[in-house]
N, C-alpha and C. Protein backbone atom coordinates (compact mmCIF):
# COMPACT_ATOMS: atom_id res chain seq x y z
N MET A 1 -5.73 1.40 36.40
CA MET A 1 -4.42 1.46 36.94
C MET A 1 -4.35 0.72 38.26
N SER A 2 -5.36 0.98 39.07
CA SER A 2 -5.36 0.25 40.35
C SER A 2 -5.60 -1.25 40.12
N GLU A 3 -6.27 -1.57 39.03
CA GLU A 3 -6.50 -3.00 38.73
C GLU A 3 -5.18 -3.72 38.52
N HIS A 4 -4.24 -3.09 37.84
CA HIS A 4 -2.91 -3.67 37.61
C HIS A 4 -2.22 -3.88 38.95
N LEU A 5 -2.27 -2.85 39.80
CA LEU A 5 -1.59 -2.94 41.09
C LEU A 5 -2.27 -3.97 42.00
N ARG A 6 -3.61 -4.06 41.90
CA ARG A 6 -4.38 -4.97 42.73
C ARG A 6 -4.24 -6.41 42.28
N THR A 7 -4.35 -6.64 40.94
CA THR A 7 -4.39 -8.01 40.43
C THR A 7 -3.05 -8.49 39.85
N GLY A 8 -2.24 -7.53 39.42
CA GLY A 8 -0.96 -7.92 38.80
C GLY A 8 -1.07 -8.29 37.33
N TYR A 9 -2.26 -8.04 36.74
CA TYR A 9 -2.43 -8.35 35.31
C TYR A 9 -1.42 -7.54 34.50
N ASP A 10 -0.91 -8.17 33.42
CA ASP A 10 0.05 -7.44 32.59
C ASP A 10 -0.63 -6.43 31.68
N PHE A 11 0.19 -5.57 31.10
CA PHE A 11 -0.33 -4.42 30.30
C PHE A 11 -1.12 -4.89 29.09
N SER A 12 -0.65 -5.92 28.41
CA SER A 12 -1.36 -6.36 27.21
C SER A 12 -2.75 -6.89 27.54
N TYR A 13 -2.86 -7.63 28.65
CA TYR A 13 -4.16 -8.15 29.08
C TYR A 13 -5.13 -7.01 29.37
N LEU A 14 -4.65 -6.01 30.10
CA LEU A 14 -5.50 -4.87 30.46
C LEU A 14 -5.91 -4.06 29.24
N ALA A 15 -4.99 -3.93 28.29
CA ALA A 15 -5.31 -3.19 27.05
C ALA A 15 -6.43 -3.90 26.30
N VAL A 16 -6.35 -5.22 26.18
CA VAL A 16 -7.39 -5.97 25.49
C VAL A 16 -8.71 -5.92 26.28
N LYS A 17 -8.62 -6.11 27.58
CA LYS A 17 -9.81 -6.14 28.42
C LYS A 17 -10.60 -4.82 28.34
N HIS A 18 -9.89 -3.70 28.32
CA HIS A 18 -10.55 -2.40 28.33
C HIS A 18 -10.59 -1.74 26.95
N ASN A 19 -10.30 -2.54 25.91
CA ASN A 19 -10.36 -2.04 24.52
C ASN A 19 -9.48 -0.82 24.29
N ILE A 20 -8.25 -0.88 24.78
CA ILE A 20 -7.28 0.20 24.60
C ILE A 20 -6.35 -0.26 23.49
N PRO A 21 -6.19 0.54 22.43
CA PRO A 21 -5.44 0.09 21.25
C PRO A 21 -4.00 -0.32 21.49
N SER A 22 -3.36 0.22 22.54
CA SER A 22 -1.93 -0.05 22.72
C SER A 22 -1.63 -0.37 24.18
N GLU A 23 -0.85 -1.42 24.38
CA GLU A 23 -0.44 -1.74 25.77
C GLU A 23 0.51 -0.70 26.30
N THR A 24 1.20 0.02 25.41
CA THR A 24 2.11 1.09 25.82
C THR A 24 1.32 2.20 26.52
N THR A 25 0.12 2.45 26.09
CA THR A 25 -0.74 3.46 26.71
C THR A 25 -1.01 3.07 28.16
N VAL A 26 -1.38 1.80 28.37
CA VAL A 26 -1.65 1.32 29.73
C VAL A 26 -0.38 1.45 30.58
N LYS A 27 0.72 1.05 30.02
CA LYS A 27 2.00 1.13 30.74
C LYS A 27 2.32 2.58 31.16
N ASN A 28 2.13 3.50 30.21
CA ASN A 28 2.39 4.92 30.51
C ASN A 28 1.46 5.46 31.57
N TRP A 29 0.18 5.06 31.52
CA TRP A 29 -0.79 5.51 32.53
C TRP A 29 -0.38 5.03 33.93
N ILE A 30 -0.02 3.75 34.00
CA ILE A 30 0.37 3.18 35.29
C ILE A 30 1.63 3.86 35.81
N LYS A 31 2.56 4.12 34.93
CA LYS A 31 3.80 4.79 35.34
C LYS A 31 3.50 6.17 35.89
N ARG A 32 2.63 6.93 35.19
CA ARG A 32 2.26 8.29 35.68
C ARG A 32 1.50 8.19 37.01
N TYR A 33 0.66 7.19 37.13
CA TYR A 33 -0.15 7.02 38.35
C TYR A 33 0.75 6.72 39.53
N THR A 34 1.69 5.80 39.35
CA THR A 34 2.58 5.45 40.47
C THR A 34 3.55 6.55 40.81
N GLU A 35 3.87 7.41 39.88
CA GLU A 35 4.74 8.57 40.15
C GLU A 35 3.96 9.74 40.71
N GLY A 36 2.65 9.59 40.82
CA GLY A 36 1.82 10.65 41.37
C GLY A 36 1.53 11.79 40.41
N LYS A 37 1.76 11.56 39.14
CA LYS A 37 1.51 12.61 38.13
C LYS A 37 0.06 12.51 37.67
N GLU A 38 -0.44 13.66 37.19
CA GLU A 38 -1.79 13.68 36.67
C GLU A 38 -1.85 12.96 35.36
N ASN A 39 -2.91 12.22 35.11
CA ASN A 39 -3.05 11.45 33.88
C ASN A 39 -3.77 12.26 32.82
N VAL A 40 -3.16 13.34 32.39
CA VAL A 40 -3.74 14.19 31.37
C VAL A 40 -2.76 14.29 30.22
N SER A 41 -3.26 14.16 29.02
CA SER A 41 -2.37 14.32 27.87
C SER A 41 -2.89 15.46 27.03
N ASP A 42 -2.02 15.99 26.20
CA ASP A 42 -2.42 17.08 25.31
C ASP A 42 -3.52 16.64 24.36
N SER A 43 -3.46 15.39 23.98
CA SER A 43 -4.37 14.88 22.98
C SER A 43 -5.00 13.59 23.50
N PRO A 44 -6.23 13.64 23.99
CA PRO A 44 -6.83 12.40 24.46
C PRO A 44 -6.92 11.38 23.32
N ASN A 45 -6.72 10.12 23.65
CA ASN A 45 -6.75 9.03 22.65
C ASN A 45 -5.74 9.24 21.54
N SER A 46 -4.53 9.62 21.90
CA SER A 46 -3.51 9.85 20.90
C SER A 46 -3.05 8.56 20.23
N GLU A 47 -3.56 7.43 20.67
CA GLU A 47 -3.16 6.15 20.08
C GLU A 47 -3.48 6.08 18.61
N VAL A 48 -4.49 6.82 18.14
CA VAL A 48 -4.86 6.75 16.73
C VAL A 48 -3.73 7.25 15.84
N TYR A 49 -2.82 8.01 16.39
CA TYR A 49 -1.69 8.50 15.61
C TYR A 49 -0.58 7.48 15.53
N GLN A 50 -0.59 6.51 16.45
CA GLN A 50 0.50 5.53 16.53
C GLN A 50 0.07 4.11 16.21
N MET A 51 -1.19 3.93 15.86
CA MET A 51 -1.70 2.58 15.57
C MET A 51 -0.98 1.97 14.39
N THR A 52 -0.78 0.67 14.48
CA THR A 52 -0.30 -0.04 13.29
C THR A 52 -1.52 -0.36 12.46
N SER A 53 -1.38 -0.24 11.17
CA SER A 53 -2.55 -0.37 10.31
C SER A 53 -2.90 -1.83 10.06
N ALA A 54 -4.17 -2.10 10.09
CA ALA A 54 -4.69 -3.41 9.74
C ALA A 54 -5.11 -3.38 8.27
N LYS A 55 -4.90 -4.47 7.57
CA LYS A 55 -5.25 -4.55 6.14
C LYS A 55 -6.76 -4.43 6.01
N LYS A 56 -7.17 -3.49 5.20
CA LYS A 56 -8.61 -3.27 4.93
C LYS A 56 -8.90 -3.55 3.47
N THR A 57 -10.06 -4.12 3.22
CA THR A 57 -10.49 -4.36 1.85
C THR A 57 -10.98 -3.06 1.22
N TYR A 58 -11.15 -3.10 -0.08
CA TYR A 58 -11.67 -1.93 -0.81
C TYR A 58 -13.02 -1.52 -0.22
N GLU A 59 -13.89 -2.50 0.03
CA GLU A 59 -15.23 -2.22 0.54
C GLU A 59 -15.17 -1.57 1.92
N GLU A 60 -14.28 -2.06 2.78
CA GLU A 60 -14.15 -1.50 4.11
C GLU A 60 -13.64 -0.04 4.05
N LYS A 61 -12.65 0.19 3.20
CA LYS A 61 -12.13 1.56 3.02
C LYS A 61 -13.24 2.49 2.55
N LEU A 62 -14.00 2.02 1.55
CA LEU A 62 -15.08 2.83 1.01
C LEU A 62 -16.12 3.15 2.09
N GLN A 63 -16.48 2.17 2.88
CA GLN A 63 -17.46 2.37 3.95
C GLN A 63 -16.93 3.37 4.97
N ILE A 64 -15.66 3.29 5.34
CA ILE A 64 -15.07 4.18 6.33
C ILE A 64 -15.08 5.62 5.79
N VAL A 65 -14.66 5.79 4.53
CA VAL A 65 -14.63 7.13 3.93
C VAL A 65 -16.03 7.71 3.83
N GLU A 66 -16.99 6.91 3.40
CA GLU A 66 -18.36 7.38 3.29
C GLU A 66 -18.93 7.74 4.66
N ASP A 67 -18.57 6.98 5.71
CA ASP A 67 -18.99 7.30 7.05
C ASP A 67 -18.38 8.62 7.51
N TYR A 68 -17.08 8.82 7.18
CA TYR A 68 -16.39 10.05 7.50
C TYR A 68 -17.11 11.25 6.88
N ILE A 69 -17.48 11.09 5.60
CA ILE A 69 -18.11 12.21 4.88
C ILE A 69 -19.55 12.43 5.35
N SER A 70 -20.33 11.37 5.42
CA SER A 70 -21.76 11.53 5.74
C SER A 70 -22.00 12.00 7.17
N ASN A 71 -21.15 11.59 8.11
CA ASN A 71 -21.33 11.96 9.52
C ASN A 71 -20.48 13.17 9.91
N ARG A 72 -19.77 13.74 8.95
CA ARG A 72 -18.94 14.92 9.18
C ARG A 72 -18.01 14.70 10.37
N LEU A 73 -17.32 13.57 10.34
CA LEU A 73 -16.38 13.25 11.42
C LEU A 73 -15.04 13.93 11.14
N THR A 74 -14.25 14.06 12.17
CA THR A 74 -12.87 14.49 11.97
C THR A 74 -12.07 13.24 11.64
N TYR A 75 -10.84 13.42 11.15
CA TYR A 75 -10.01 12.25 10.87
C TYR A 75 -9.81 11.42 12.12
N LYS A 76 -9.59 12.12 13.23
CA LYS A 76 -9.34 11.45 14.49
C LYS A 76 -10.57 10.67 14.97
N GLU A 77 -11.75 11.25 14.86
CA GLU A 77 -12.98 10.59 15.25
C GLU A 77 -13.21 9.34 14.40
N ALA A 78 -12.98 9.45 13.11
CA ALA A 78 -13.15 8.30 12.22
C ALA A 78 -12.14 7.21 12.54
N ALA A 79 -10.89 7.61 12.85
CA ALA A 79 -9.86 6.65 13.21
C ALA A 79 -10.23 5.89 14.48
N GLU A 80 -10.71 6.61 15.48
CA GLU A 80 -11.14 5.96 16.72
C GLU A 80 -12.32 5.04 16.51
N LYS A 81 -13.30 5.51 15.75
CA LYS A 81 -14.51 4.73 15.51
C LYS A 81 -14.23 3.42 14.80
N HIS A 82 -13.34 3.49 13.80
CA HIS A 82 -13.09 2.29 12.98
C HIS A 82 -11.81 1.56 13.33
N GLN A 83 -11.14 2.01 14.40
CA GLN A 83 -9.89 1.39 14.88
C GLN A 83 -8.85 1.24 13.78
N VAL A 84 -8.62 2.34 13.06
CA VAL A 84 -7.53 2.41 12.08
C VAL A 84 -6.71 3.65 12.38
N SER A 85 -5.56 3.76 11.78
CA SER A 85 -4.70 4.88 12.10
C SER A 85 -5.23 6.17 11.45
N TYR A 86 -4.90 7.26 12.10
CA TYR A 86 -5.23 8.59 11.61
C TYR A 86 -4.69 8.78 10.20
N ASN A 87 -3.47 8.34 9.99
CA ASN A 87 -2.82 8.48 8.70
C ASN A 87 -3.59 7.78 7.57
N ASN A 88 -4.09 6.57 7.87
CA ASN A 88 -4.87 5.83 6.85
C ASN A 88 -6.14 6.59 6.47
N ILE A 89 -6.85 7.10 7.49
CA ILE A 89 -8.08 7.86 7.22
C ILE A 89 -7.75 9.05 6.33
N TYR A 90 -6.70 9.77 6.70
CA TYR A 90 -6.29 10.95 5.95
C TYR A 90 -5.98 10.61 4.50
N LEU A 91 -5.20 9.54 4.28
CA LEU A 91 -4.84 9.12 2.92
C LEU A 91 -6.06 8.68 2.11
N TRP A 92 -6.90 7.85 2.72
CA TRP A 92 -8.08 7.34 2.01
C TRP A 92 -9.02 8.45 1.62
N VAL A 93 -9.27 9.38 2.54
CA VAL A 93 -10.19 10.50 2.24
C VAL A 93 -9.64 11.34 1.11
N ASN A 94 -8.36 11.64 1.14
CA ASN A 94 -7.78 12.46 0.07
C ASN A 94 -7.76 11.74 -1.27
N LYS A 95 -7.52 10.45 -1.28
CA LYS A 95 -7.59 9.68 -2.54
C LYS A 95 -9.02 9.68 -3.07
N TYR A 96 -9.98 9.54 -2.14
CA TYR A 96 -11.39 9.53 -2.55
C TYR A 96 -11.79 10.89 -3.12
N LYS A 97 -11.35 11.98 -2.47
CA LYS A 97 -11.67 13.33 -2.96
C LYS A 97 -11.06 13.56 -4.35
N LYS A 98 -9.83 13.09 -4.54
CA LYS A 98 -9.13 13.34 -5.80
C LYS A 98 -9.59 12.45 -6.95
N HIS A 99 -9.81 11.13 -6.66
CA HIS A 99 -10.08 10.18 -7.73
C HIS A 99 -11.43 9.46 -7.61
N GLY A 100 -12.19 9.74 -6.56
CA GLY A 100 -13.44 9.04 -6.38
C GLY A 100 -13.19 7.65 -5.81
N PRO A 101 -14.18 6.78 -5.85
CA PRO A 101 -14.03 5.43 -5.28
C PRO A 101 -12.88 4.63 -5.90
N LYS A 102 -12.56 4.88 -7.17
CA LYS A 102 -11.46 4.16 -7.84
C LYS A 102 -10.13 4.40 -7.12
N GLY A 103 -10.00 5.57 -6.47
CA GLY A 103 -8.75 5.89 -5.80
C GLY A 103 -8.44 5.01 -4.60
N LEU A 104 -9.44 4.30 -4.09
CA LEU A 104 -9.26 3.44 -2.93
C LEU A 104 -8.84 2.02 -3.30
N GLU A 105 -8.83 1.69 -4.58
CA GLU A 105 -8.43 0.35 -5.00
C GLU A 105 -6.95 0.16 -4.77
N ASP A 106 -6.58 -1.07 -4.43
CA ASP A 106 -5.20 -1.42 -4.18
C ASP A 106 -4.57 -1.83 -5.51
N ASN A 107 -3.73 -0.98 -6.04
CA ASN A 107 -3.12 -1.28 -7.35
C ASN A 107 -1.61 -1.48 -7.23
N ARG A 108 -1.14 -1.91 -6.05
CA ARG A 108 0.29 -2.11 -5.90
C ARG A 108 0.78 -3.15 -6.89
N GLY A 109 1.85 -2.82 -7.57
CA GLY A 109 2.46 -3.72 -8.54
C GLY A 109 1.78 -3.69 -9.89
N ARG A 110 0.70 -2.97 -10.04
CA ARG A 110 -0.01 -2.92 -11.29
C ARG A 110 0.05 -1.56 -11.96
N GLY A 111 0.66 -0.60 -11.31
CA GLY A 111 0.70 0.75 -11.87
C GLY A 111 -0.63 1.45 -11.65
N LYS A 112 -0.63 2.69 -12.02
CA LYS A 112 -1.82 3.51 -11.83
C LYS A 112 -2.86 3.19 -12.90
N PRO A 113 -4.12 3.01 -12.54
CA PRO A 113 -5.14 2.78 -13.56
C PRO A 113 -5.21 3.96 -14.54
N THR A 114 -5.49 3.68 -15.79
CA THR A 114 -5.48 4.74 -16.81
C THR A 114 -6.46 5.86 -16.51
N GLU A 115 -7.59 5.54 -15.88
CA GLU A 115 -8.56 6.61 -15.59
C GLU A 115 -8.06 7.56 -14.49
N LEU A 116 -7.04 7.17 -13.73
CA LEU A 116 -6.49 8.03 -12.70
C LEU A 116 -5.25 8.77 -13.17
N GLN A 117 -4.78 8.46 -14.36
CA GLN A 117 -3.57 9.10 -14.88
C GLN A 117 -3.89 10.44 -15.54
N THR A 118 -2.95 11.36 -15.44
CA THR A 118 -3.07 12.60 -16.17
C THR A 118 -2.75 12.32 -17.63
N THR A 119 -3.03 13.27 -18.51
CA THR A 119 -2.74 13.10 -19.93
C THR A 119 -1.25 12.85 -20.14
N GLU A 120 -0.44 13.61 -19.44
CA GLU A 120 1.01 13.45 -19.58
C GLU A 120 1.46 12.09 -19.12
N GLU A 121 0.91 11.58 -18.01
CA GLU A 121 1.27 10.24 -17.53
C GLU A 121 0.85 9.16 -18.52
N ARG A 122 -0.34 9.33 -19.10
CA ARG A 122 -0.81 8.38 -20.10
C ARG A 122 0.11 8.35 -21.33
N LEU A 123 0.49 9.55 -21.78
CA LEU A 123 1.37 9.63 -22.96
C LEU A 123 2.75 9.03 -22.65
N ASN A 124 3.27 9.30 -21.45
CA ASN A 124 4.56 8.73 -21.08
C ASN A 124 4.48 7.21 -21.00
N ALA A 125 3.39 6.68 -20.47
CA ALA A 125 3.21 5.24 -20.39
C ALA A 125 3.14 4.63 -21.79
N GLU A 126 2.44 5.33 -22.69
CA GLU A 126 2.33 4.83 -24.08
C GLU A 126 3.69 4.85 -24.75
N VAL A 127 4.48 5.91 -24.53
CA VAL A 127 5.83 5.98 -25.11
C VAL A 127 6.68 4.81 -24.59
N GLU A 128 6.62 4.57 -23.28
CA GLU A 128 7.40 3.47 -22.70
C GLU A 128 6.96 2.13 -23.27
N THR A 129 5.67 1.94 -23.48
CA THR A 129 5.15 0.71 -24.07
C THR A 129 5.68 0.54 -25.49
N LEU A 130 5.64 1.62 -26.25
CA LEU A 130 6.14 1.57 -27.64
C LEU A 130 7.65 1.31 -27.69
N LYS A 131 8.39 1.91 -26.76
CA LYS A 131 9.84 1.67 -26.70
C LYS A 131 10.12 0.18 -26.42
N ALA A 132 9.38 -0.38 -25.45
CA ALA A 132 9.55 -1.81 -25.12
C ALA A 132 9.18 -2.67 -26.31
N ARG A 133 8.11 -2.33 -27.02
CA ARG A 133 7.68 -3.11 -28.19
C ARG A 133 8.74 -3.01 -29.30
N ASN A 134 9.28 -1.82 -29.50
CA ASN A 134 10.32 -1.60 -30.50
C ASN A 134 11.55 -2.43 -30.18
N LYS A 135 11.96 -2.44 -28.91
CA LYS A 135 13.13 -3.22 -28.50
C LYS A 135 12.89 -4.71 -28.75
N TRP A 136 11.68 -5.19 -28.44
CA TRP A 136 11.35 -6.58 -28.68
C TRP A 136 11.44 -6.92 -30.17
N LEU A 137 10.89 -6.06 -31.02
CA LEU A 137 10.93 -6.29 -32.47
C LEU A 137 12.37 -6.27 -33.00
N GLU A 138 13.20 -5.37 -32.46
CA GLU A 138 14.60 -5.31 -32.89
C GLU A 138 15.32 -6.63 -32.52
N MET A 139 15.07 -7.11 -31.30
CA MET A 139 15.70 -8.37 -30.87
C MET A 139 15.20 -9.53 -31.74
N GLU A 140 13.93 -9.54 -32.05
CA GLU A 140 13.38 -10.59 -32.89
C GLU A 140 13.99 -10.53 -34.29
N ASN A 141 14.11 -9.33 -34.82
CA ASN A 141 14.72 -9.13 -36.15
C ASN A 141 16.17 -9.61 -36.14
N ASP A 142 16.94 -9.25 -35.12
CA ASP A 142 18.33 -9.71 -35.03
C ASP A 142 18.41 -11.24 -34.98
N ALA A 143 17.53 -11.85 -34.21
CA ALA A 143 17.51 -13.32 -34.12
C ALA A 143 17.22 -13.95 -35.46
N LEU A 144 16.28 -13.37 -36.20
CA LEU A 144 15.95 -13.93 -37.53
C LEU A 144 17.13 -13.76 -38.51
N LYS A 145 17.81 -12.63 -38.43
CA LYS A 145 18.98 -12.42 -39.28
C LYS A 145 20.08 -13.43 -38.96
N LYS A 146 20.32 -13.68 -37.68
CA LYS A 146 21.32 -14.66 -37.29
C LYS A 146 20.94 -16.05 -37.79
N ARG A 147 19.65 -16.36 -37.67
CA ARG A 147 19.18 -17.67 -38.12
C ARG A 147 19.40 -17.84 -39.63
N GLN A 148 19.08 -16.76 -40.40
CA GLN A 148 19.28 -16.81 -41.85
C GLN A 148 20.77 -16.95 -42.17
N LYS A 149 21.60 -16.25 -41.44
CA LYS A 149 23.05 -16.31 -41.68
C LYS A 149 23.58 -17.70 -41.40
N ILE A 150 23.10 -18.31 -40.30
CA ILE A 150 23.54 -19.67 -39.95
C ILE A 150 23.04 -20.65 -41.01
N ALA A 151 21.78 -20.50 -41.43
CA ALA A 151 21.23 -21.39 -42.46
C ALA A 151 22.01 -21.23 -43.75
N GLY A 152 22.36 -20.01 -44.10
CA GLY A 152 23.14 -19.77 -45.33
C GLY A 152 24.51 -20.37 -45.25
N SER A 153 25.18 -20.27 -44.10
CA SER A 153 26.52 -20.84 -43.97
C SER A 153 26.46 -22.36 -44.00
N LEU A 154 25.40 -22.96 -43.45
CA LEU A 154 25.26 -24.42 -43.48
C LEU A 154 25.06 -24.88 -44.94
N LYS A 155 24.29 -24.13 -45.73
CA LYS A 155 24.07 -24.48 -47.15
C LYS A 155 25.38 -24.40 -47.90
N SER A 156 26.16 -23.36 -47.63
CA SER A 156 27.43 -23.24 -48.36
C SER A 156 28.40 -24.35 -47.97
N GLN A 157 28.36 -24.80 -46.71
CA GLN A 157 29.22 -25.90 -46.28
C GLN A 157 28.80 -27.19 -46.97
N GLU A 158 27.50 -27.40 -47.12
CA GLU A 158 27.01 -28.59 -47.82
C GLU A 158 27.44 -28.59 -49.28
N LEU A 159 27.36 -27.41 -49.92
CA LEU A 159 27.76 -27.30 -51.32
C LEU A 159 29.28 -27.58 -51.46
N ASP A 160 30.06 -27.07 -50.49
CA ASP A 160 31.50 -27.33 -50.54
C ASP A 160 31.80 -28.82 -50.38
N LYS A 161 31.07 -29.51 -49.54
CA LYS A 161 31.25 -30.95 -49.37
C LYS A 161 30.94 -31.70 -50.64
N LYS A 162 29.86 -31.30 -51.34
CA LYS A 162 29.47 -31.95 -52.58
C LYS A 162 30.51 -31.73 -53.64
N ARG A 163 31.10 -30.54 -53.69
CA ARG A 163 32.13 -30.25 -54.69
C ARG A 163 33.38 -31.05 -54.43
N ASN A 164 33.71 -31.26 -53.16
CA ASN A 164 34.91 -31.99 -52.82
C ASN A 164 34.77 -33.48 -53.08
N ILE A 165 33.54 -33.99 -53.10
CA ILE A 165 33.35 -35.43 -53.33
C ILE A 165 33.45 -35.65 -54.79
């Protein structure tokens, strides 16, 4: 705090220099310091609750969860250690507990993997697949009928032309 007052460095520079996850934290500390308030918060390092999440690969997520489990860390300790949000740690650990390592895979846009689906979800997915297949076959059948009808009308027109000649 005194460094900011002494040097005039901005909040973002000080946050990076001292490995503080958020420049807002530095700003709030300096504000409290200049107002003469004590710099104590209910939750030390509360930044882990407000961090923006960085994209992590499957392997990184797995390593973080395994570290959480093997070292018996709290969600907060794991978040601080790996510089990810508390919420991400919580979600990853619960997915791992429920589905194992497969639960950490990123399946956005691909639906839930079949091994993670309940029996009811699998049956519903199968019903939807069959409905879509049935609709496709009905459309194909209608197109073939129209084609036959057009071909038949063209033949009858040709026969009429021959009769008229």
